[in-house]
PDB file of N, CA and C in Angstrom:
ATOM      1  N   MET A   1      23.511  26.432 -15.174  1.00  0.00           N
ATOM      2  CA  MET A   1      21.917  26.990 -16.060  1.00  0.00           C
ATOM      3  C   MET A   1      20.172  26.378 -14.318  1.00  0.00           C
ATOM      4  N   GLN A   2      19.946  27.311 -14.697  1.00  0.00           N
ATOM      5  CA  GLN A   2      18.973  26.653 -13.753  1.00  0.00           C
ATOM      6  C   GLN A   2      17.936  26.136 -15.077  1.00  0.00           C
ATOM      7  N   PRO A   3      17.284  25.137 -13.546  1.00  0.00           N
ATOM      8  CA  PRO A   3      16.460  24.025 -14.689  1.00  0.00           C
ATOM      9  C   PRO A   3      15.393  24.916 -14.980  1.00  0.00           C
ATOM     10  N   ALA A   4      14.384  23.991 -15.841  1.00  0.00           N
ATOM     11  CA  ALA A   4      12.978  24.774 -15.564  1.00  0.00           C
ATOM     12  C   ALA A   4      11.949  24.164 -15.030  1.00  0.00           C
ATOM     13  N   ARG A   5      10.751  25.024 -14.887  1.00  0.00           N
ATOM     14  CA  ARG A   5       9.838  24.800 -13.809  1.00  0.00           C
ATOM     15  C   ARG A   5       8.844  24.104 -14.772  1.00  0.00           C
ATOM     16  N   ILE A   6       9.586  22.546 -14.433  1.00  0.00           N
ATOM     17  CA  ILE A   6       8.520  21.554 -14.981  1.00  0.00           C
ATOM     18  C   ILE A   6       8.085  20.428 -13.423  1.00  0.00           C
ATOM     19  N   ASP A   7       6.901  19.756 -13.514  1.00  0.00           N
ATOM     20  CA  ASP A   7       6.220  19.436 -12.885  1.00  0.00           C
ATOM     21  C   ASP A   7       6.846  18.150 -12.230  1.00  0.00           C
ATOM     22  N   PRO A   8       7.424  17.443 -11.162  1.00  0.00           N
ATOM     23  CA  PRO A   8       8.005  16.000 -11.029  1.00  0.00           C
ATOM     24  C   PRO A   8       7.501  15.207 -11.728  1.00  0.00           C
ATOM     25  N   ILE A   9       5.894  14.874 -11.593  1.00  0.00           N
ATOM     26  CA  ILE A   9       5.049  14.132 -11.296  1.00  0.00           C
ATOM     27  C   ILE A   9       4.994  14.075 -12.886  1.00  0.00           C
ATOM     28  N   ARG A  10       4.834  14.737 -13.084  1.00  0.00           N
ATOM     29  CA  ARG A  10       3.773  14.852 -14.908  1.00  0.00           C
ATOM     30  C   ARG A  10       5.606  14.130 -15.769  1.00  0.00           C
ATOM     31  N   ALA A  11       6.390  14.991 -15.068  1.00  0.00           N
ATOM     32  CA  ALA A  11       8.066  14.238 -15.653  1.00  0.00           C
ATOM     33  C   ALA A  11       8.124  12.852 -15.955  1.00  0.00           C
ATOM     34  N   GLY A  12       8.491  12.983 -14.192  1.00  0.00           N
ATOM     35  CA  GLY A  12       8.193  11.222 -13.983  1.00  0.00           C
ATOM     36  C   GLY A  12       7.111  10.027 -15.187  1.00  0.00           C
ATOM     37  N   LEU A  13       5.566  10.758 -14.663  1.00  0.00           N
ATOM     38  CA  LEU A  13       5.126   9.450 -15.609  1.00  0.00           C
ATOM     39  C   LEU A  13       5.326   9.529 -16.879  1.00  0.00           C
ATOM     40  N   LEU A  14       5.284  10.564 -17.900  1.00  0.00           N
ATOM     41  CA  LEU A  14       5.952  10.341 -19.084  1.00  0.00           C
ATOM     42  C   LEU A  14       7.541  10.403 -19.302  1.00  0.00           C
ATOM     43  N   CYS A  15       8.381   9.859 -18.455  1.00  0.00           N
ATOM     44  CA  CYS A  15       9.581   9.517 -18.951  1.00  0.00           C
ATOM     45  C   CYS A  15      10.355  10.630 -19.741  1.00  0.00           C
ATOM     46  N   ARG A  16      10.177  11.547 -18.917  1.00  0.00           N
ATOM     47  CA  ARG A  16      10.870  12.721 -19.565  1.00  0.00           C
ATOM     48  C   ARG A  16      11.738  13.517 -18.607  1.00  0.00           C
ATOM     49  N   CYS A  17      12.721  13.799 -19.151  1.00  0.00           N
ATOM     50  CA  CYS A  17      14.053  14.714 -18.046  1.00  0.00           C
ATOM     51  C   CYS A  17      13.300  15.694 -17.346  1.00  0.00           C
ATOM     52  N   PRO A  18      13.339  15.474 -15.930  1.00  0.00           N
ATOM     53  CA  PRO A  18      12.671  16.426 -15.435  1.00  0.00           C
ATOM     54  C   PRO A  18      13.033  17.869 -15.723  1.00  0.00           C
ATOM     55  N   HIS A  19      14.542  17.733 -16.042  1.00  0.00           N
ATOM     56  CA  HIS A  19      15.131  19.106 -15.998  1.00  0.00           C
ATOM     57  C   HIS A  19      14.916  20.122 -17.532  1.00  0.00           C
ATOM     58  N   CYS A  20      14.499  19.405 -17.933  1.00  0.00           N
ATOM     59  CA  CYS A  20      13.986  20.064 -19.195  1.00  0.00           C
ATOM     60  C   CYS A  20      12.405  19.890 -19.276  1.00  0.00           C
ATOM     61  N   GLY A  21      11.960  18.599 -19.280  1.00  0.00           N
ATOM     62  CA  GLY A  21      10.692  18.471 -19.957  1.00  0.00           C
ATOM     63  C   GLY A  21      10.682  17.445 -21.279  1.00  0.00           C
ATOM     64  N   ARG A  22      11.936  17.866 -21.905  1.00  0.00           N
ATOM     65  CA  ARG A  22      11.698  17.500 -23.213  1.00  0.00           C
ATOM     66  C   ARG A  22      12.475  16.142 -24.092  1.00  0.00           C
ATOM     67  N   GLY A  23      13.554  16.441 -23.239  1.00  0.00           N
ATOM     68  CA  GLY A  23      14.813  14.745 -23.808  1.00  0.00           C
ATOM     69  C   GLY A  23      13.708  13.664 -22.863  1.00  0.00           C
ATOM     70  N   PRO A  24      14.324  12.396 -23.433  1.00  0.00           N
ATOM     71  CA  PRO A  24      13.540  10.971 -23.055  1.00  0.00           C
ATOM     72  C   PRO A  24      14.435  10.914 -21.832  1.00  0.00           C
ATOM     73  N   LEU A  25      14.017   9.940 -21.142  1.00  0.00           N
ATOM     74  CA  LEU A  25      14.990  10.143 -19.708  1.00  0.00           C
ATOM     75  C   LEU A  25      15.368   8.312 -19.478  1.00  0.00           C
ATOM     76  N   TYR A  26      14.636   7.573 -20.592  1.00  0.00           N
ATOM     77  CA  TYR A  26      15.115   6.417 -20.476  1.00  0.00           C
ATOM     78  C   TYR A  26      15.885   5.790 -21.796  1.00  0.00           C
ATOM     79  N   ALA A  27      17.565   4.688 -21.682  1.00  0.00           N
ATOM     80  CA  ALA A  27      17.622   4.626 -22.986  1.00  0.00           C
ATOM     81  C   ALA A  27      17.591   3.333 -23.155  1.00  0.00           C
ATOM     82  N   GLY A  28      16.560   2.374 -21.737  1.00  0.00           N
ATOM     83  CA  GLY A  28      16.370   1.361 -22.264  1.00  0.00           C
ATOM     84  C   GLY A  28      14.559   0.997 -21.536  1.00  0.00           C
ATOM     85  N   PHE A  29      14.566   0.106 -20.925  1.00  0.00           N
ATOM     86  CA  PHE A  29      13.485  -0.287 -19.667  1.00  0.00           C
ATOM     87  C   PHE A  29      13.562   0.215 -19.124  1.00  0.00           C
ATOM     88  N   LEU A  30      14.735   0.512 -17.743  1.00  0.00           N
ATOM     89  CA  LEU A  30      15.136   1.019 -16.982  1.00  0.00           C
ATOM     90  C   LEU A  30      16.431   2.024 -17.217  1.00  0.00           C
ATOM     91  N   LYS A  31      17.163   1.227 -17.924  1.00  0.00           N
ATOM     92  CA  LYS A  31      18.504   2.122 -17.628  1.00  0.00           C
ATOM     93  C   LYS A  31      18.430   4.016 -18.630  1.00  0.00           C
ATOM     94  N   VAL A  32      18.696   4.398 -17.197  1.00  0.00           N
ATOM     95  CA  VAL A  32      18.796   6.114 -17.463  1.00  0.00           C
ATOM     96  C   VAL A  32      19.545   6.590 -18.784  1.00  0.00           C
ATOM     97  N   VAL A  33      19.672   7.350 -19.313  1.00  0.00           N
ATOM     98  CA  VAL A  33      20.467   7.879 -20.130  1.00  0.00           C
ATOM     99  C   VAL A  33      21.217   8.272 -19.437  1.00  0.00           C
ATOM    100  N   ASP A  34      22.449   8.611 -19.653  1.00  0.00           N
ATOM    101  CA  ASP A  34      23.666   9.467 -19.604  1.00  0.00           C
ATOM    102  C   ASP A  34      23.666  10.513 -19.367  1.00  0.00           C
ATOM    103  N   ARG A  35      22.963  11.229 -20.346  1.00  0.00           N
ATOM    104  CA  ARG A  35      23.172  12.921 -20.682  1.00  0.00           C
ATOM    105  C   ARG A  35      21.677  12.618 -21.496  1.00  0.00           C
ATOM    106  N   CYS A  36      21.272  14.235 -21.182  1.00  0.00           N
ATOM    107  CA  CYS A  36      19.519  14.354 -21.974  1.00  0.00           C
ATOM    108  C   CYS A  36      19.877  15.045 -22.839  1.00  0.00           C
ATOM    109  N   ARG A  37      19.446  14.008 -24.443  1.00  0.00           N
ATOM    110  CA  ARG A  37      20.082  14.547 -25.477  1.00  0.00           C
ATOM    111  C   ARG A  37      18.979  16.064 -25.086  1.00  0.00           C
ATOM    112  N   ALA A  38      18.428  16.520 -25.292  1.00  0.00           N
ATOM    113  CA  ALA A  38      17.612  18.650 -25.053  1.00  0.00           C
ATOM    114  C   ALA A  38      18.429  19.350 -24.306  1.00  0.00           C
ATOM    115  N   CYS A  39      19.021  19.130 -23.377  1.00  0.00           N
ATOM    116  CA  CYS A  39      19.537  19.989 -22.341  1.00  0.00           C
ATOM    117  C   CYS A  39      20.634  19.787 -21.725  1.00  0.00           C
ATOM    118  N   GLY A  40      21.273  18.450 -21.978  1.00  0.00           N
ATOM    119  CA  GLY A  40      23.005  18.106 -21.446  1.00  0.00           C
ATOM    120  C   GLY A  40      22.977  17.838 -20.241  1.00  0.00           C
ATOM    121  N   PHE A  41      21.917  17.854 -19.318  1.00  0.00           N
ATOM    122  CA  PHE A  41      21.901  17.282 -18.054  1.00  0.00           C
ATOM    123  C   PHE A  41      22.424  16.035 -17.824  1.00  0.00           C
ATOM    124  N   ASP A  42      23.914  15.946 -16.944  1.00  0.00           N
ATOM    125  CA  ASP A  42      24.040  14.885 -16.799  1.00  0.00           C
ATOM    126  C   ASP A  42      23.762  14.139 -15.128  1.00  0.00           C
ATOM    127  N   PHE A  43      22.996  12.869 -16.350  1.00  0.00           N
ATOM    128  CA  PHE A  43      22.122  11.702 -15.464  1.00  0.00           C
ATOM    129  C   PHE A  43      23.556  10.752 -14.714  1.00  0.00           C
ATOM    130  N   SER A  44      24.866  10.875 -15.377  1.00  0.00           N
ATOM    131  CA  SER A  44      25.471   9.301 -14.791  1.00  0.00           C
ATOM    132  C   SER A  44      25.427   9.329 -13.563  1.00  0.00           C
ATOM    133  N   ARG A  45      25.465  10.944 -12.637  1.00  0.00           N
ATOM    134  CA  ARG A  45      25.215  10.616 -10.788  1.00  0.00           C
ATOM    135  C   ARG A  45      24.241  10.539 -10.138  1.00  0.00           C
ATOM    136  N   LEU A  46      23.089  10.051 -10.715  1.00  0.00           N
ATOM    137  CA  LEU A  46      22.043  10.192 -10.458  1.00  0.00           C
ATOM    138  C   LEU A  46      21.520   8.711 -10.007  1.00  0.00           C
ATOM    139  N   ASN A  47      21.709   8.086  -8.366  1.00  0.00           N
ATOM    140  CA  ASN A  47      21.016   6.518  -8.539  1.00  0.00           C
ATOM    141  C   ASN A  47      20.336   6.518  -7.283  1.00  0.00           C
ATOM    142  N   THR A  48      18.635   5.639  -8.037  1.00  0.00           N
ATOM    143  CA  THR A  48      17.578   5.894  -7.119  1.00  0.00           C
ATOM    144  C   THR A  48      17.752   4.730  -6.511  1.00  0.00           C
ATOM    145  N   GLY A  49      18.536   3.426  -6.655  1.00  0.00           N
ATOM    146  CA  GLY A  49      18.424   2.053  -6.421  1.00  0.00           C
ATOM    147  C   GLY A  49      17.136   1.277  -6.421  1.00  0.00           C
ATOM    148  N   ASP A  50      16.988   1.047  -5.131  1.00  0.00           N
ATOM    149  CA  ASP A  50      15.590  -0.034  -4.848  1.00  0.00           C
ATOM    150  C   ASP A  50      14.680   0.915  -5.268  1.00  0.00           C
ATOM    151  N   GLY A  51      14.404   2.113  -4.284  1.00  0.00           N
ATOM    152  CA  GLY A  51      13.844   3.133  -3.954  1.00  0.00           C
ATOM    153  C   GLY A  51      12.067   3.015  -4.794  1.00  0.00           C
ATOM    154  N   ALA A  52      12.368   2.899  -6.231  1.00  0.00           N
ATOM    155  CA  ALA A  52      10.691   3.462  -6.779  1.00  0.00           C
ATOM    156  C   ALA A  52      10.556   1.647  -6.715  1.00  0.00           C
ATOM    157  N   ALA A  53      11.028   0.745  -6.908  1.00  0.00           N
ATOM    158  CA  ALA A  53      10.777  -1.270  -6.733  1.00  0.00           C
ATOM    159  C   ALA A  53       9.881  -0.998  -5.352  1.00  0.00           C
ATOM    160  N   VAL A  54      10.869  -0.514  -4.031  1.00  0.00           N
ATOM    161  CA  VAL A  54       9.836  -0.857  -2.839  1.00  0.00           C
ATOM    162  C   VAL A  54       8.726  -0.281  -3.342  1.00  0.00           C
ATOM    163  N   PHE A  55       8.126   1.027  -3.650  1.00  0.00           N
ATOM    164  CA  PHE A  55       6.530   1.607  -3.415  1.00  0.00           C
ATOM    165  C   PHE A  55       5.908   1.144  -4.683  1.00  0.00           C
ATOM    166  N   ILE A  56       6.809   0.517  -5.572  1.00  0.00           N
ATOM    167  CA  ILE A  56       5.847  -0.466  -6.903  1.00  0.00           C
ATOM    168  C   ILE A  56       5.113  -2.081  -6.346  1.00  0.00           C
ATOM    169  N   MET A  57       5.838  -2.157  -5.178  1.00  0.00           N
ATOM    170  CA  MET A  57       5.591  -3.398  -4.760  1.00  0.00           C
ATOM    171  C   MET A  57       4.787  -3.154  -3.369  1.00  0.00           C
ATOM    172  N   GLN A  58       4.984  -2.414  -2.928  1.00  0.00           N
ATOM    173  CA  GLN A  58       3.767  -1.717  -2.020  1.00  0.00           C
ATOM    174  C   GLN A  58       1.969  -1.090  -2.880  1.00  0.00           C
ATOM    175  N   ILE A  59       2.790  -1.102  -3.963  1.00  0.00           N
ATOM    176  CA  ILE A  59       1.199  -0.051  -4.657  1.00  0.00           C
ATOM    177  C   ILE A  59       0.234  -1.535  -5.542  1.00  0.00           C
ATOM    178  N   VAL A  60       0.836  -1.920  -5.845  1.00  0.00           N
ATOM    179  CA  VAL A  60       0.816  -3.343  -6.411  1.00  0.00           C
ATOM    180  C   VAL A  60       0.753  -4.739  -5.744  1.00  0.00           C
ATOM    181  N   GLY A  61       1.232  -4.880  -4.604  1.00  0.00           N
ATOM    182  CA  GLY A  61       0.702  -5.738  -3.695  1.00  0.00           C
ATOM    183  C   GLY A  61      -0.481  -5.879  -2.827  1.00  0.00           C
ATOM    184  N   PHE A  62      -0.243  -4.032  -2.039  1.00  0.00           N
ATOM    185  CA  PHE A  62      -1.906  -4.325  -1.985  1.00  0.00           C
ATOM    186  C   PHE A  62      -3.451  -4.638  -2.791  1.00  0.00           C
ATOM    187  N   PRO A  63      -3.666  -4.070  -4.106  1.00  0.00           N
ATOM    188  CA  PRO A  63      -4.933  -4.799  -4.357  1.00  0.00           C
ATOM    189  C   PRO A  63      -4.762  -6.179  -4.518  1.00  0.00           C
ATOM    190  N   VAL A  64      -3.439  -6.423  -4.614  1.00  0.00           N
ATOM    191  CA  VAL A  64      -3.470  -8.375  -5.837  1.00  0.00           C
ATOM    192  C   VAL A  64      -3.716  -9.056  -4.276  1.00  0.00           C
ATOM    193  N   VAL A  65      -2.799  -9.068  -3.100  1.00  0.00           N
ATOM    194  CA  VAL A  65      -2.994  -9.786  -1.762  1.00  0.00           C
ATOM    195  C   VAL A  65      -4.793  -9.265  -1.329  1.00  0.00           C
ATOM    196  N   PHE A  66      -5.020  -8.096  -1.474  1.00  0.00           N
ATOM    197  CA  PHE A  66      -6.099  -8.334  -0.734  1.00  0.00           C
ATOM    198  C   PHE A  66      -7.464  -8.622  -2.141  1.00  0.00           C
ATOM    199  N   GLY A  67      -7.641  -8.713  -3.325  1.00  0.00           N
ATOM    200  CA  GLY A  67      -8.282  -8.697  -3.843  1.00  0.00           C
ATOM    201  C   GLY A  67      -8.137 -10.445  -3.794  1.00  0.00           C
ATOM    202  N   ALA A  68      -6.875 -10.702  -4.428  1.00  0.00           N
ATOM    203  CA  ALA A  68      -7.045 -12.131  -4.001  1.00  0.00           C
ATOM    204  C   ALA A  68      -7.595 -12.675  -2.727  1.00  0.00           C
ATOM    205  N   LEU A  69      -7.370 -12.345  -1.600  1.00  0.00           N
ATOM    206  CA  LEU A  69      -7.811 -12.774   0.117  1.00  0.00           C
ATOM    207  C   LEU A  69      -9.499 -12.578  -0.243  1.00  0.00           C
ATOM    208  N   TRP A  70      -9.736 -11.570  -0.689  1.00  0.00           N
ATOM    209  CA  TRP A  70     -11.795 -11.578  -1.358  1.00  0.00           C
ATOM    210  C   TRP A  70     -12.163 -12.382  -1.853  1.00  0.00           C
ATOM    211  N   VAL A  71     -11.152 -13.181  -2.877  1.00  0.00           N
ATOM    212  CA  VAL A  71     -12.294 -13.981  -3.473  1.00  0.00           C
ATOM    213  C   VAL A  71     -12.129 -15.358  -2.721  1.00  0.00           C
ATOM    214  N   GLU A  72     -10.933 -15.524  -2.247  1.00  0.00           N
ATOM    215  CA  GLU A  72     -10.881 -16.913  -1.506  1.00  0.00           C
ATOM    216  C   GLU A  72     -12.138 -16.931  -0.800  1.00  0.00           C
ATOM    217  N   ILE A  73     -12.731 -15.449  -0.153  1.00  0.00           N
ATOM    218  CA  ILE A  73     -13.449 -15.502   0.990  1.00  0.00           C
ATOM    219  C   ILE A  73     -14.823 -15.779  -0.017  1.00  0.00           C
ATOM    220  N   ALA A  74     -14.784 -14.680  -0.569  1.00  0.00           N
ATOM    221  CA  ALA A  74     -16.364 -14.674  -1.240  1.00  0.00           C
ATOM    222  C   ALA A  74     -16.821 -15.993  -2.018  1.00  0.00           C
ATOM    223  N   TYR A  75     -15.861 -15.928  -2.840  1.00  0.00           N
ATOM    224  CA  TYR A  75     -16.053 -17.346  -4.232  1.00  0.00           C
ATOM    225  C   TYR A  75     -15.678 -18.887  -3.790  1.00  0.00           C
ATOM    226  N   ALA A  76     -14.407 -18.919  -3.189  1.00  0.00           N
ATOM    227  CA  ALA A  76     -13.829 -20.419  -2.394  1.00  0.00           C
ATOM    228  C   ALA A  76     -13.295 -20.631  -3.877  1.00  0.00           C
ATOM    229  N   PRO A  77     -12.259 -19.921  -4.997  1.00  0.00           N
ATOM    230  CA  PRO A  77     -12.071 -20.772  -6.491  1.00  0.00           C
ATOM    231  C   PRO A  77     -11.027 -22.558  -5.662  1.00  0.00           C
ATOM    232  N   PRO A  78     -10.605 -22.515  -6.918  1.00  0.00           N
ATOM    233  CA  PRO A  78      -9.582 -23.753  -6.673  1.00  0.00           C
ATOM    234  C   PRO A  78      -8.461 -22.700  -6.640  1.00  0.00           C
ATOM    235  N   MET A  79      -7.310 -23.798  -6.265  1.00  0.00           N
ATOM    236  CA  MET A  79      -5.847 -23.035  -5.551  1.00  0.00           C
ATOM    237  C   MET A  79      -5.179 -23.125  -7.267  1.00  0.00           C
ATOM    238  N   TRP A  80      -5.965 -23.427  -8.430  1.00  0.00           N
ATOM    239  CA  TRP A  80      -5.552 -23.271  -9.771  1.00  0.00           C
ATOM    240  C   TRP A  80      -5.329 -21.959 -10.113  1.00  0.00           C
ATOM    241  N   LEU A  81      -7.051 -21.612  -9.872  1.00  0.00           N
ATOM    242  CA  LEU A  81      -6.977 -20.508 -10.708  1.00  0.00           C
ATOM    243  C   LEU A  81      -6.609 -19.413  -9.890  1.00  0.00           C
ATOM    244  N   HIS A  82      -6.291 -19.627  -8.663  1.00  0.00           N
ATOM    245  CA  HIS A  82      -5.481 -18.239  -7.953  1.00  0.00           C
ATOM    246  C   HIS A  82      -4.345 -18.389  -8.614  1.00  0.00           C
ATOM    247  N   LEU A  83      -3.566 -19.225  -8.916  1.00  0.00           N
ATOM    248  CA  LEU A  83      -2.007 -19.063  -9.466  1.00  0.00           C
ATOM    249  C   LEU A  83      -2.343 -19.052 -10.916  1.00  0.00           C
ATOM    250  N   ALA A  84      -3.211 -18.999 -11.433  1.00  0.00           N
ATOM    251  CA  ALA A  84      -3.317 -18.630 -12.923  1.00  0.00           C
ATOM    252  C   ALA A  84      -3.994 -16.919 -13.246  1.00  0.00           C
ATOM    253  N   VAL A  85      -4.734 -16.567 -11.948  1.00  0.00           N
ATOM    254  CA  VAL A  85      -5.219 -15.179 -12.315  1.00  0.00           C
ATOM    255  C   VAL A  85      -3.589 -13.717 -11.270  1.00  0.00           C
ATOM    256  N   TRP A  86      -3.306 -13.973  -9.933  1.00  0.00           N
ATOM    257  CA  TRP A  86      -2.982 -13.104  -9.140  1.00  0.00           C
ATOM    258  C   TRP A  86      -1.432 -12.927 -10.000  1.00  0.00           C
ATOM    259  N   PRO A  87      -0.560 -13.570  -9.663  1.00  0.00           N
ATOM    260  CA  PRO A  87       0.548 -14.261 -10.531  1.00  0.00           C
ATOM    261  C   PRO A  87       0.710 -12.725 -11.316  1.00  0.00           C
ATOM    262  N   PRO A  88       0.098 -13.630 -12.550  1.00  0.00           N
ATOM    263  CA  PRO A  88       0.730 -12.669 -13.171  1.00  0.00           C
ATOM    264  C   PRO A  88      -0.272 -11.530 -13.544  1.00  0.00           C
ATOM    265  N   LEU A  89      -1.309 -11.170 -12.405  1.00  0.00           N
ATOM    266  CA  LEU A  89      -1.933  -9.754 -12.223  1.00  0.00           C
ATOM    267  C   LEU A  89      -0.927  -8.786 -11.324  1.00  0.00           C
ATOM    268  N   ALA A  90      -0.234  -9.309 -10.586  1.00  0.00           N
ATOM    269  CA  ALA A  90       0.745  -8.587  -9.927  1.00  0.00           C
ATOM    270  C   ALA A  90       2.446  -7.836 -10.716  1.00  0.00           C
ATOM    271  N   ALA A  91       3.087  -9.560 -11.287  1.00  0.00           N
ATOM    272  CA  ALA A  91       3.924  -8.937 -12.804  1.00  0.00           C
ATOM    273  C   ALA A  91       3.458  -7.759 -13.475  1.00  0.00           C
ATOM    274  N   ILE A  92       2.510  -8.058 -14.038  1.00  0.00           N
ATOM    275  CA  ILE A  92       1.866  -7.032 -15.591  1.00  0.00           C
ATOM    276  C   ILE A  92       2.176  -5.448 -14.651  1.00  0.00           C
ATOM    277  N   GLY A  93       0.986  -5.367 -13.703  1.00  0.00           N
ATOM    278  CA  GLY A  93       1.140  -4.195 -12.471  1.00  0.00           C
ATOM    279  C   GLY A  93       2.584  -3.640 -12.180  1.00  0.00           C
ATOM    280  N   ALA A  94       3.500  -4.376 -12.151  1.00  0.00           N
ATOM    281  CA  ALA A  94       4.812  -4.276 -11.323  1.00  0.00           C
ATOM    282  C   ALA A  94       5.505  -3.430 -13.004  1.00  0.00           C
ATOM    283  N   LEU A  95       5.459  -4.504 -13.693  1.00  0.00           N
ATOM    284  CA  LEU A  95       6.430  -3.775 -14.888  1.00  0.00           C
ATOM    285  C   LEU A  95       5.594  -2.642 -15.987  1.00  0.00           C
ATOM    286  N   ALA A  96       3.938  -2.621 -15.178  1.00  0.00           N
ATOM    287  CA  ALA A  96       4.111  -1.419 -16.164  1.00  0.00           C
ATOM    288  C   ALA A  96       4.176  -0.139 -15.165  1.00  0.00           C
ATOM    289  N   LEU A  97       3.687  -0.136 -13.426  1.00  0.00           N
ATOM    290  CA  LEU A  97       4.612   1.493 -12.990  1.00  0.00           C
ATOM    291  C   LEU A  97       5.908   1.335 -13.028  1.00  0.00           C
ATOM    292  N   MET A  98       6.720   0.237 -13.211  1.00  0.00           N
ATOM    293  CA  MET A  98       7.704   0.869 -12.866  1.00  0.00           C
ATOM    294  C   MET A  98       8.762   1.693 -13.923  1.00  0.00           C
ATOM    295  N   ARG A  99       8.940   2.049 -14.904  1.00  0.00           N
ATOM    296  CA  ARG A  99       9.433   3.075 -15.821  1.00  0.00           C
ATOM    297  C   ARG A  99       9.046   4.982 -14.912  1.00  0.00           C
ATOM    298  N   PRO A 100       7.501   4.241 -14.862  1.00  0.00           N
ATOM    299  CA  PRO A 100       6.836   5.761 -14.657  1.00  0.00           C
ATOM    300  C   PRO A 100       7.399   5.702 -12.711  1.00  0.00           C
ATOM    301  N   GLY A 101       7.275   5.401 -12.122  1.00  0.00           N
ATOM    302  CA  GLY A 101       7.368   4.987 -10.573  1.00  0.00           C
ATOM    303  C   GLY A 101       8.854   5.258 -10.086  1.00  0.00           C
ATOM    304  N   LYS A 102      10.475   5.061 -11.266  1.00  0.00           N
ATOM    305  CA  LYS A 102      11.712   4.924 -11.081  1.00  0.00           C
ATOM    306  C   LYS A 102      11.409   6.620 -11.734  1.00  0.00           C
ATOM    307  N   GLY A 103      10.830   6.778 -12.923  1.00  0.00           N
ATOM    308  CA  GLY A 103      10.743   8.604 -13.475  1.00  0.00           C
ATOM    309  C   GLY A 103      10.435   9.179 -12.466  1.00  0.00           C
ATOM    310  N   VAL A 104       9.616   9.574 -11.749  1.00  0.00           N
ATOM    311  CA  VAL A 104       8.975  10.386 -11.174  1.00  0.00           C
ATOM    312  C   VAL A 104       9.891  10.274  -9.334  1.00  0.00           C
ATOM    313  N   MET A 105      10.929   9.068  -8.736  1.00  0.00           N
ATOM    314  CA  MET A 105      11.880   9.215  -8.055  1.00  0.00           C
ATOM    315  C   MET A 105      12.877   9.824  -8.838  1.00  0.00           C
ATOM    316  N   ILE A 106      13.791  10.138  -9.563  1.00  0.00           N
ATOM    317  CA  ILE A 106      14.526  10.269 -10.118  1.00  0.00           C
ATOM    318  C   ILE A 106      13.947  11.867 -10.101  1.00  0.00           C
ATOM    319  N   ALA A 107      12.975  12.461 -10.816  1.00  0.00           N
ATOM    320  CA  ALA A 107      12.116  13.366 -10.949  1.00  0.00           C
ATOM    321  C   ALA A 107      12.215  14.343  -9.368  1.00  0.00           C
ATOM    322  N   LEU A 108      11.680  13.544  -8.079  1.00  0.00           N
ATOM    323  CA  LEU A 108      11.624  14.583  -6.598  1.00  0.00           C
ATOM    324  C   LEU A 108      13.043  14.490  -6.399  1.00  0.00           C
ATOM    325  N   GLN A 109      14.138  13.153  -6.609  1.00  0.00           N
ATOM    326  CA  GLN A 109      15.106  13.639  -6.156  1.00  0.00           C
ATOM    327  C   GLN A 109      15.717  14.669  -6.968  1.00  0.00           C
ATOM    328  N   MET A 110      15.561  15.006  -7.963  1.00  0.00           N
ATOM    329  CA  MET A 110      16.111  16.506  -8.360  1.00  0.00           C
ATOM    330  C   MET A 110      15.329  17.838  -7.858  1.00  0.00           C
ATOM    331  N   ARG A 111      14.297  17.612  -7.707  1.00  0.00           N
ATOM    332  CA  ARG A 111      13.306  18.534  -6.617  1.00  0.00           C
ATOM    333  C   ARG A 111      13.643  18.980  -6.040  1.00  0.00           C
ATOM    334  N   HIS A 112      14.329  18.344  -5.667  1.00  0.00           N
ATOM    335  CA  HIS A 112      14.263  18.178  -4.462  1.00  0.00           C
ATOM    336  C   HIS A 112      15.929  18.698  -3.719  1.00  0.00           C
ATOM    337  N   GLY A 113      16.894  18.241  -4.653  1.00  0.00           N
ATOM    338  CA  GLY A 113      18.242  18.610  -4.255  1.00  0.00           C
ATOM    339  C   GLY A 113      19.222  17.439  -4.047  1.00  0.00           C
ATOM    340  N   ALA A 114      18.796  16.156  -3.473  1.00  0.00           N
ATOM    341  CA  ALA A 114      19.728  15.292  -3.386  1.00  0.00           C
ATOM    342  C   ALA A 114      20.930  15.378  -4.197  1.00  0.00           C
ATOM    343  N   ALA A 115      22.005  15.213  -3.124  1.00  0.00           N
ATOM    344  CA  ALA A 115      23.242  15.213  -3.596  1.00  0.00           C
ATOM    345  C   ALA A 115      23.716  15.240  -4.803  1.00  0.00           C
ATOM    346  N   GLU A 116      22.938  13.962  -5.146  1.00  0.00           N
ATOM    347  CA  GLU A 116      23.153  12.811  -6.434  1.00  0.00           C
ATOM    348  C   GLU A 116      22.993  13.714  -7.724  1.00  0.00           C
ATOM    349  N   ALA A 117      22.351  14.169  -7.810  1.00  0.00           N
ATOM    350  CA  ALA A 117      21.212  14.959  -8.045  1.00  0.00           C
ATOM    351  C   ALA A 117      21.883  16.524  -8.382  1.00  0.00           C
ATOM    352  N   ARG A 118      22.648  17.186  -7.961  1.00  0.00           N
ATOM    353  CA  ARG A 118      23.115  18.390  -8.346  1.00  0.00           C
ATOM    354  C   ARG A 118      24.202  19.312  -9.309  1.00  0.00           C
ATOM    355  N   SER A 119      23.270  19.635  -9.891  1.00  0.00           N
ATOM    356  CA  SER A 119      24.476  20.204 -10.882  1.00  0.00           C
ATOM    357  C   SER A 119      25.601  21.703 -10.596  1.00  0.00           C
ATOM    358  N   ASP A 120      25.527  21.759  -9.338  1.00  0.00           N
ATOM    359  CA  ASP A 120      26.609  22.666  -9.252  1.00  0.00           C
ATOM    360  C   ASP A 120      27.681  22.521  -8.485  1.00  0.00           C
ATOM    361  N   ASP A 121      28.539  21.545  -9.193  1.00  0.00           N
ATOM    362  CA  ASP A 121      30.287  21.179  -9.132  1.00  0.00           C
ATOM    363  C   ASP A 121      31.224  21.992  -8.789  1.00  0.00           C
TER     364      ASP A 121
END
């Protein structure tokens, strides 16, 4: 079965099956479903590893670190204020971006024919 022409970025950001665009991609927070409920695509062979986490750490880390640096130079607040603001901001940002980031990685892996994502046994 030929995959539908789904935009991988959109499917990943919406956490939908990159094969059909209809079924949910996750069974839990980050646990990918074994098989799509809508089209039956087998996700059990897919493995993105820590790829999404690496990108998310860089995407979130850059503004957090440079924001903290800028605030320190411009205003010199007490250290407790830095500790109250920046770590929670980094954690919230990383958690907010992890599901769509992993979804985009899976969708792009499928779109570009990574060996784990092929359905031509």
